[in-house]
Amino acid sequence: MTTAENIRHHAAGHLAAAHGAVTTVKQFSSADTVQAPPELKQELSNVLETLEILERWFTDPLNSTIESNGGRS
């Protein structure tokens, strides 16, 4: 695996961890004993969707954007 591939997969790991944390917060805010505004639940859903998209981008083997610029942004 090239350095750029390692960077992509490392970043995807961090995104997966963030996804897990936001999922936990969303589950907590949806509990019957918690009074969370509907806007919070919607925003958490939006964040989860964005994280899923980013994870797919970083793990897609056909996405060579990072590799093409040497791993630099």
PDB file of N, CA and C in Angstrom:
ATOM      1  N   MET A   1       0.853  -1.175   0.000  1.00  0.00           N
ATOM      2  CA  MET A   1       0.000   0.000   0.000  1.00  0.00           C
ATOM      3  C   MET A   1       0.900   1.240   0.000  1.00  0.00           C
ATOM      4  N   THR A   2       0.584   2.205  -0.846  1.00  0.00           N
ATOM      5  CA  THR A   2       1.388   3.426  -0.918  1.00  0.00           C
ATOM      6  C   THR A   2       1.116   4.304   0.291  1.00  0.00           C
ATOM      7  N   THR A   3       1.969   5.296   0.471  1.00  0.00           N
ATOM      8  CA  THR A   3       1.785   6.235   1.576  1.00  0.00           C
ATOM      9  C   THR A   3       0.438   6.942   1.470  1.00  0.00           C
ATOM     10  N   ALA A   4       0.067   7.352   0.260  1.00  0.00           N
ATOM     11  CA  ALA A   4      -1.217   8.042   0.084  1.00  0.00           C
ATOM     12  C   ALA A   4      -2.383   7.126   0.435  1.00  0.00           C
ATOM     13  N   GLU A   5      -2.279   5.848   0.066  1.00  0.00           N
ATOM     14  CA  GLU A   5      -3.341   4.900   0.426  1.00  0.00           C
ATOM     15  C   GLU A   5      -3.425   4.742   1.941  1.00  0.00           C
ATOM     16  N   ASN A   6      -2.265   4.683   2.582  1.00  0.00           N
ATOM     17  CA  ASN A   6      -2.253   4.590   4.043  1.00  0.00           C
ATOM     18  C   ASN A   6      -2.933   5.807   4.671  1.00  0.00           C
ATOM     19  N   ILE A   7      -2.655   6.973   4.126  1.00  0.00           N
ATOM     20  CA  ILE A   7      -3.263   8.206   4.643  1.00  0.00           C
ATOM     21  C   ILE A   7      -4.781   8.156   4.459  1.00  0.00           C
ATOM     22  N   ARG A   8      -5.227   7.708   3.278  1.00  0.00           N
ATOM     23  CA  ARG A   8      -6.671   7.633   3.026  1.00  0.00           C
ATOM     24  C   ARG A   8      -7.345   6.688   4.011  1.00  0.00           C
ATOM     25  N   HIS A   9      -6.750   5.520   4.217  1.00  0.00           N
ATOM     26  CA  HIS A   9      -7.372   4.539   5.111  1.00  0.00           C
ATOM     27  C   HIS A   9      -7.287   4.988   6.573  1.00  0.00           C
ATOM     28  N   HIS A  10      -6.225   5.678   6.930  1.00  0.00           N
ATOM     29  CA  HIS A  10      -6.114   6.226   8.278  1.00  0.00           C
ATOM     30  C   HIS A  10      -7.214   7.268   8.505  1.00  0.00           C
ATOM     31  N   ALA A  11      -7.411   8.140   7.527  1.00  0.00           N
ATOM     32  CA  ALA A  11      -8.464   9.157   7.631  1.00  0.00           C
ATOM     33  C   ALA A  11      -9.837   8.502   7.710  1.00  0.00           C
ATOM     34  N   ALA A  12     -10.041   7.462   6.924  1.00  0.00           N
ATOM     35  CA  ALA A  12     -11.329   6.751   6.968  1.00  0.00           C
ATOM     36  C   ALA A  12     -11.568   6.155   8.342  1.00  0.00           C
ATOM     37  N   GLY A  13     -10.510   5.698   8.991  1.00  0.00           N
ATOM     38  CA  GLY A  13     -10.643   5.175  10.345  1.00  0.00           C
ATOM     39  C   GLY A  13     -11.102   6.244  11.319  1.00  0.00           C
ATOM     40  N   HIS A  14     -10.544   7.429  11.199  1.00  0.00           N
ATOM     41  CA  HIS A  14     -10.980   8.536  12.060  1.00  0.00           C
ATOM     42  C   HIS A  14     -12.430   8.916  11.779  1.00  0.00           C
ATOM     43  N   LEU A  15     -12.810   8.914  10.513  1.00  0.00           N
ATOM     44  CA  LEU A  15     -14.198   9.214  10.157  1.00  0.00           C
ATOM     45  C   LEU A  15     -15.143   8.159  10.724  1.00  0.00           C
ATOM     46  N   ALA A  16     -14.724   6.905  10.693  1.00  0.00           N
ATOM     47  CA  ALA A  16     -15.550   5.834  11.250  1.00  0.00           C
ATOM     48  C   ALA A  16     -15.710   6.015  12.762  1.00  0.00           C
ATOM     49  N   ALA A  17     -14.636   6.441  13.434  1.00  0.00           N
ATOM     50  CA  ALA A  17     -14.715   6.684  14.870  1.00  0.00           C
ATOM     51  C   ALA A  17     -15.671   7.847  15.165  1.00  0.00           C
ATOM     52  N   ALA A  18     -15.591   8.894  14.353  1.00  0.00           N
ATOM     53  CA  ALA A  18     -16.505  10.031  14.530  1.00  0.00           C
ATOM     54  C   ALA A  18     -17.940   9.588  14.282  1.00  0.00           C
ATOM     55  N   HIS A  19     -18.141   8.743  13.292  1.00  0.00           N
ATOM     56  CA  HIS A  19     -19.475   8.216  12.982  1.00  0.00           C
ATOM     57  C   HIS A  19     -20.015   7.462  14.194  1.00  0.00           C
ATOM     58  N   GLY A  20     -19.174   6.662  14.807  1.00  0.00           N
ATOM     59  CA  GLY A  20     -19.592   5.913  15.994  1.00  0.00           C
ATOM     60  C   GLY A  20     -19.974   6.832  17.143  1.00  0.00           C
ATOM     61  N   ALA A  21     -19.191   7.884  17.347  1.00  0.00           N
ATOM     62  CA  ALA A  21     -19.483   8.823  18.431  1.00  0.00           C
ATOM     63  C   ALA A  21     -20.795   9.564  18.186  1.00  0.00           C
ATOM     64  N   VAL A  22     -20.999  10.039  16.961  1.00  0.00           N
ATOM     65  CA  VAL A  22     -22.234  10.768  16.641  1.00  0.00           C
ATOM     66  C   VAL A  22     -23.439   9.832  16.731  1.00  0.00           C
ATOM     67  N   THR A  23     -23.268   8.579  16.326  1.00  0.00           N
ATOM     68  CA  THR A  23     -24.352   7.604  16.437  1.00  0.00           C
ATOM     69  C   THR A  23     -24.752   7.421  17.904  1.00  0.00           C
ATOM     70  N   THR A  24     -23.766   7.342  18.780  1.00  0.00           N
ATOM     71  CA  THR A  24     -24.039   7.195  20.214  1.00  0.00           C
ATOM     72  C   THR A  24     -24.789   8.410  20.745  1.00  0.00           C
ATOM     73  N   VAL A  25     -24.370   9.591  20.356  1.00  0.00           N
ATOM     74  CA  VAL A  25     -25.047  10.822  20.803  1.00  0.00           C
ATOM     75  C   VAL A  25     -26.479  10.847  20.281  1.00  0.00           C
ATOM     76  N   LYS A  26     -26.662  10.435  19.026  1.00  0.00           N
ATOM     77  CA  LYS A  26     -28.013  10.428  18.454  1.00  0.00           C
ATOM     78  C   LYS A  26     -28.907   9.442  19.202  1.00  0.00           C
ATOM     79  N   GLN A  27     -28.386   8.264  19.513  1.00  0.00           N
ATOM     80  CA  GLN A  27     -29.160   7.281  20.267  1.00  0.00           C
ATOM     81  C   GLN A  27     -29.520   7.829  21.645  1.00  0.00           C
ATOM     82  N   PHE A  28     -28.570   8.477  22.301  1.00  0.00           N
ATOM     83  CA  PHE A  28     -28.827   9.069  23.609  1.00  0.00           C
ATOM     84  C   PHE A  28     -29.897  10.150  23.515  1.00  0.00           C
ATOM     85  N   SER A  29     -29.782  11.012  22.502  1.00  0.00           N
ATOM     86  CA  SER A  29     -30.741  12.115  22.383  1.00  0.00           C
ATOM     87  C   SER A  29     -32.128  11.627  21.990  1.00  0.00           C
ATOM     88  N   SER A  30     -32.219  10.404  21.475  1.00  0.00           N
ATOM     89  CA  SER A  30     -33.514   9.839  21.092  1.00  0.00           C
ATOM     90  C   SER A  30     -34.184   9.053  22.218  1.00  0.00           C
ATOM     91  N   ALA A  31     -33.491   8.906  23.328  1.00  0.00           N
ATOM     92  CA  ALA A  31     -34.055   8.147  24.452  1.00  0.00           C
ATOM     93  C   ALA A  31     -35.281   8.856  25.015  1.00  0.00           C
ATOM     94  N   ASP A  32     -36.203   8.077  25.556  1.00  0.00           N
ATOM     95  CA  ASP A  32     -37.437   8.640  26.117  1.00  0.00           C
ATOM     96  C   ASP A  32     -37.167   9.571  27.295  1.00  0.00           C
ATOM     97  N   THR A  33     -36.081   9.364  27.997  1.00  0.00           N
ATOM     98  CA  THR A  33     -35.776  10.161  29.187  1.00  0.00           C
ATOM     99  C   THR A  33     -35.039  11.453  28.873  1.00  0.00           C
ATOM    100  N   VAL A  34     -34.714  11.679  27.603  1.00  0.00           N
ATOM    101  CA  VAL A  34     -33.969  12.873  27.197  1.00  0.00           C
ATOM    102  C   VAL A  34     -34.876  13.776  26.375  1.00  0.00           C
ATOM    103  N   GLN A  35     -34.867  15.046  26.726  1.00  0.00           N
ATOM    104  CA  GLN A  35     -35.661  16.019  25.967  1.00  0.00           C
ATOM    105  C   GLN A  35     -34.733  16.785  25.035  1.00  0.00           C
ATOM    106  N   ALA A  36     -34.623  16.287  23.830  1.00  0.00           N
ATOM    107  CA  ALA A  36     -33.784  16.929  22.822  1.00  0.00           C
ATOM    108  C   ALA A  36     -34.673  17.536  21.749  1.00  0.00           C
ATOM    109  N   PRO A  37     -34.340  18.738  21.303  1.00  0.00           N
ATOM    110  CA  PRO A  37     -35.153  19.359  20.252  1.00  0.00           C
ATOM    111  C   PRO A  37     -35.047  18.566  18.953  1.00  0.00           C
ATOM    112  N   PRO A  38     -36.116  18.557  18.172  1.00  0.00           N
ATOM    113  CA  PRO A  38     -36.098  17.838  16.893  1.00  0.00           C
ATOM    114  C   PRO A  38     -34.977  18.313  15.966  1.00  0.00           C
ATOM    115  N   GLU A  39     -34.621  19.587  16.090  1.00  0.00           N
ATOM    116  CA  GLU A  39     -33.563  20.136  15.247  1.00  0.00           C
ATOM    117  C   GLU A  39     -32.232  19.434  15.518  1.00  0.00           C
ATOM    118  N   LEU A  40     -31.989  19.084  16.777  1.00  0.00           N
ATOM    119  CA  LEU A  40     -30.757  18.388  17.125  1.00  0.00           C
ATOM    120  C   LEU A  40     -30.724  17.011  16.468  1.00  0.00           C
ATOM    121  N   LYS A  41     -31.830  16.303  16.549  1.00  0.00           N
ATOM    122  CA  LYS A  41     -31.897  14.980  15.946  1.00  0.00           C
ATOM    123  C   LYS A  41     -31.674  15.058  14.429  1.00  0.00           C
ATOM    124  N   GLN A  42     -32.256  16.058  13.791  1.00  0.00           N
ATOM    125  CA  GLN A  42     -32.077  16.233  12.349  1.00  0.00           C
ATOM    126  C   GLN A  42     -30.630  16.582  12.023  1.00  0.00           C
ATOM    127  N   GLU A  43     -30.042  17.453  12.802  1.00  0.00           N
ATOM    128  CA  GLU A  43     -28.646  17.839  12.569  1.00  0.00           C
ATOM    129  C   GLU A  43     -27.715  16.646  12.744  1.00  0.00           C
ATOM    130  N   LEU A  44     -27.969  15.825  13.740  1.00  0.00           N
ATOM    131  CA  LEU A  44     -27.158  14.621  13.937  1.00  0.00           C
ATOM    132  C   LEU A  44     -27.312  13.662  12.755  1.00  0.00           C
ATOM    133  N   SER A  45     -28.511  13.542  12.232  1.00  0.00           N
ATOM    134  CA  SER A  45     -28.737  12.705  11.045  1.00  0.00           C
ATOM    135  C   SER A  45     -27.957  13.247   9.852  1.00  0.00           C
ATOM    136  N   ASN A  46     -27.937  14.567   9.696  1.00  0.00           N
ATOM    137  CA  ASN A  46     -27.189  15.200   8.606  1.00  0.00           C
ATOM    138  C   ASN A  46     -25.689  14.938   8.751  1.00  0.00           C
ATOM    139  N   VAL A  47     -25.194  15.041   9.976  1.00  0.00           N
ATOM    140  CA  VAL A  47     -23.768  14.796  10.227  1.00  0.00           C
ATOM    141  C   VAL A  47     -23.421  13.348   9.894  1.00  0.00           C
ATOM    142  N   LEU A  48     -24.274  12.419  10.311  1.00  0.00           N
ATOM    143  CA  LEU A  48     -24.025  11.006  10.016  1.00  0.00           C
ATOM    144  C   LEU A  48     -23.976  10.755   8.512  1.00  0.00           C
ATOM    145  N   GLU A  49     -24.877  11.377   7.785  1.00  0.00           N
ATOM    146  CA  GLU A  49     -24.904  11.212   6.337  1.00  0.00           C
ATOM    147  C   GLU A  49     -23.611  11.740   5.710  1.00  0.00           C
ATOM    148  N   THR A  50     -23.158  12.895   6.165  1.00  0.00           N
ATOM    149  CA  THR A  50     -21.923  13.482   5.652  1.00  0.00           C
ATOM    150  C   THR A  50     -20.727  12.592   5.964  1.00  0.00           C
ATOM    151  N   LEU A  51     -20.665  12.067   7.182  1.00  0.00           N
ATOM    152  CA  LEU A  51     -19.560  11.187   7.548  1.00  0.00           C
ATOM    153  C   LEU A  51     -19.543   9.927   6.691  1.00  0.00           C
ATOM    154  N   GLU A  52     -20.715   9.387   6.399  1.00  0.00           N
ATOM    155  CA  GLU A  52     -20.793   8.195   5.552  1.00  0.00           C
ATOM    156  C   GLU A  52     -20.281   8.486   4.142  1.00  0.00           C
ATOM    157  N   ILE A  53     -20.613   9.656   3.621  1.00  0.00           N
ATOM    158  CA  ILE A  53     -20.136  10.047   2.291  1.00  0.00           C
ATOM    159  C   ILE A  53     -18.615  10.173   2.302  1.00  0.00           C
ATOM    160  N   LEU A  54     -18.080  10.836   3.314  1.00  0.00           N
ATOM    161  CA  LEU A  54     -16.638  11.012   3.403  1.00  0.00           C
ATOM    162  C   LEU A  54     -15.919   9.677   3.556  1.00  0.00           C
ATOM    163  N   GLU A  55     -16.474   8.779   4.350  1.00  0.00           N
ATOM    164  CA  GLU A  55     -15.874   7.450   4.494  1.00  0.00           C
ATOM    165  C   GLU A  55     -15.791   6.745   3.138  1.00  0.00           C
ATOM    166  N   ARG A  56     -16.868   6.837   2.371  1.00  0.00           N
ATOM    167  CA  ARG A  56     -16.871   6.202   1.050  1.00  0.00           C
ATOM    168  C   ARG A  56     -15.808   6.823   0.143  1.00  0.00           C
ATOM    169  N   TRP A  57     -15.676   8.148   0.183  1.00  0.00           N
ATOM    170  CA  TRP A  57     -14.674   8.813  -0.641  1.00  0.00           C
ATOM    171  C   TRP A  57     -13.272   8.330  -0.285  1.00  0.00           C
ATOM    172  N   PHE A  58     -13.004   8.243   1.017  1.00  0.00           N
ATOM    173  CA  PHE A  58     -11.654   7.890   1.447  1.00  0.00           C
ATOM    174  C   PHE A  58     -11.328   6.417   1.264  1.00  0.00           C
ATOM    175  N   THR A  59     -12.319   5.551   1.161  1.00  0.00           N
ATOM    176  CA  THR A  59     -12.038   4.131   1.000  1.00  0.00           C
ATOM    177  C   THR A  59     -12.258   3.651  -0.424  1.00  0.00           C
ATOM    178  N   ASP A  60     -12.740   4.496  -1.300  1.00  0.00           N
ATOM    179  CA  ASP A  60     -12.980   4.111  -2.688  1.00  0.00           C
ATOM    180  C   ASP A  60     -11.644   3.936  -3.407  1.00  0.00           C
ATOM    181  N   PRO A  61     -11.314   2.717  -3.840  1.00  0.00           N
ATOM    182  CA  PRO A  61     -10.027   2.506  -4.498  1.00  0.00           C
ATOM    183  C   PRO A  61      -9.903   3.225  -5.834  1.00  0.00           C
ATOM    184  N   LEU A  62     -11.011   3.636  -6.408  1.00  0.00           N
ATOM    185  CA  LEU A  62     -10.959   4.349  -7.687  1.00  0.00           C
ATOM    186  C   LEU A  62     -10.782   5.852  -7.501  1.00  0.00           C
ATOM    187  N   ASN A  63     -10.854   6.331  -6.258  1.00  0.00           N
ATOM    188  CA  ASN A  63     -10.669   7.753  -5.994  1.00  0.00           C
ATOM    189  C   ASN A  63      -9.180   8.013  -5.860  1.00  0.00           C
ATOM    190  N   SER A  64      -8.582   8.549  -6.878  1.00  0.00           N
ATOM    191  CA  SER A  64      -7.138   8.752  -6.873  1.00  0.00           C
ATOM    192  C   SER A  64      -6.750  10.206  -6.669  1.00  0.00           C
ATOM    193  N   THR A  65      -7.666  11.035  -6.189  1.00  0.00           N
ATOM    194  CA  THR A  65      -7.374  12.458  -6.011  1.00  0.00           C
ATOM    195  C   THR A  65      -6.204  12.661  -5.059  1.00  0.00           C
ATOM    196  N   ILE A  66      -6.219  11.955  -3.942  1.00  0.00           N
ATOM    197  CA  ILE A  66      -5.142  12.135  -2.964  1.00  0.00           C
ATOM    198  C   ILE A  66      -3.827  11.615  -3.541  1.00  0.00           C
ATOM    199  N   GLU A  67      -3.866  10.430  -4.176  1.00  0.00           N
ATOM    200  CA  GLU A  67      -2.657   9.859  -4.742  1.00  0.00           C
ATOM    201  C   GLU A  67      -2.062  10.763  -5.832  1.00  0.00           C
ATOM    202  N   SER A  68      -2.912  11.402  -6.615  1.00  0.00           N
ATOM    203  CA  SER A  68      -2.418  12.199  -7.740  1.00  0.00           C
ATOM    204  C   SER A  68      -1.673  13.445  -7.300  1.00  0.00           C
ATOM    205  N   ASN A  69      -1.918  13.935  -6.080  1.00  0.00           N
ATOM    206  CA  ASN A  69      -1.167  15.109  -5.630  1.00  0.00           C
ATOM    207  C   ASN A  69      -0.196  14.747  -4.514  1.00  0.00           C
ATOM    208  N   GLY A  70       0.159  13.484  -4.421  1.00  0.00           N
ATOM    209  CA  GLY A  70       1.187  13.064  -3.478  1.00  0.00           C
ATOM    210  C   GLY A  70       0.743  13.087  -2.038  1.00  0.00           C
ATOM    211  N   GLY A  71      -0.566  13.106  -1.775  1.00  0.00           N
ATOM    212  CA  GLY A  71      -1.045  13.110  -0.405  1.00  0.00           C
ATOM    213  C   GLY A  71      -1.115  14.500   0.215  1.00  0.00           C
ATOM    214  N   ARG A  72      -0.772  15.517  -0.568  1.00  0.00           N
ATOM    215  CA  ARG A  72      -0.826  16.895  -0.045  1.00  0.00           C
ATOM    216  C   ARG A  72      -2.145  17.527  -0.451  1.00  0.00           C
ATOM    217  N   SER A  73      -2.691  18.356   0.443  1.00  0.00           N
ATOM    218  CA  SER A  73      -3.948  19.038   0.109  1.00  0.00           C
ATOM    219  C   SER A  73      -3.680  20.384  -0.510  1.00  0.00           C
TER     220      SER A  73
END
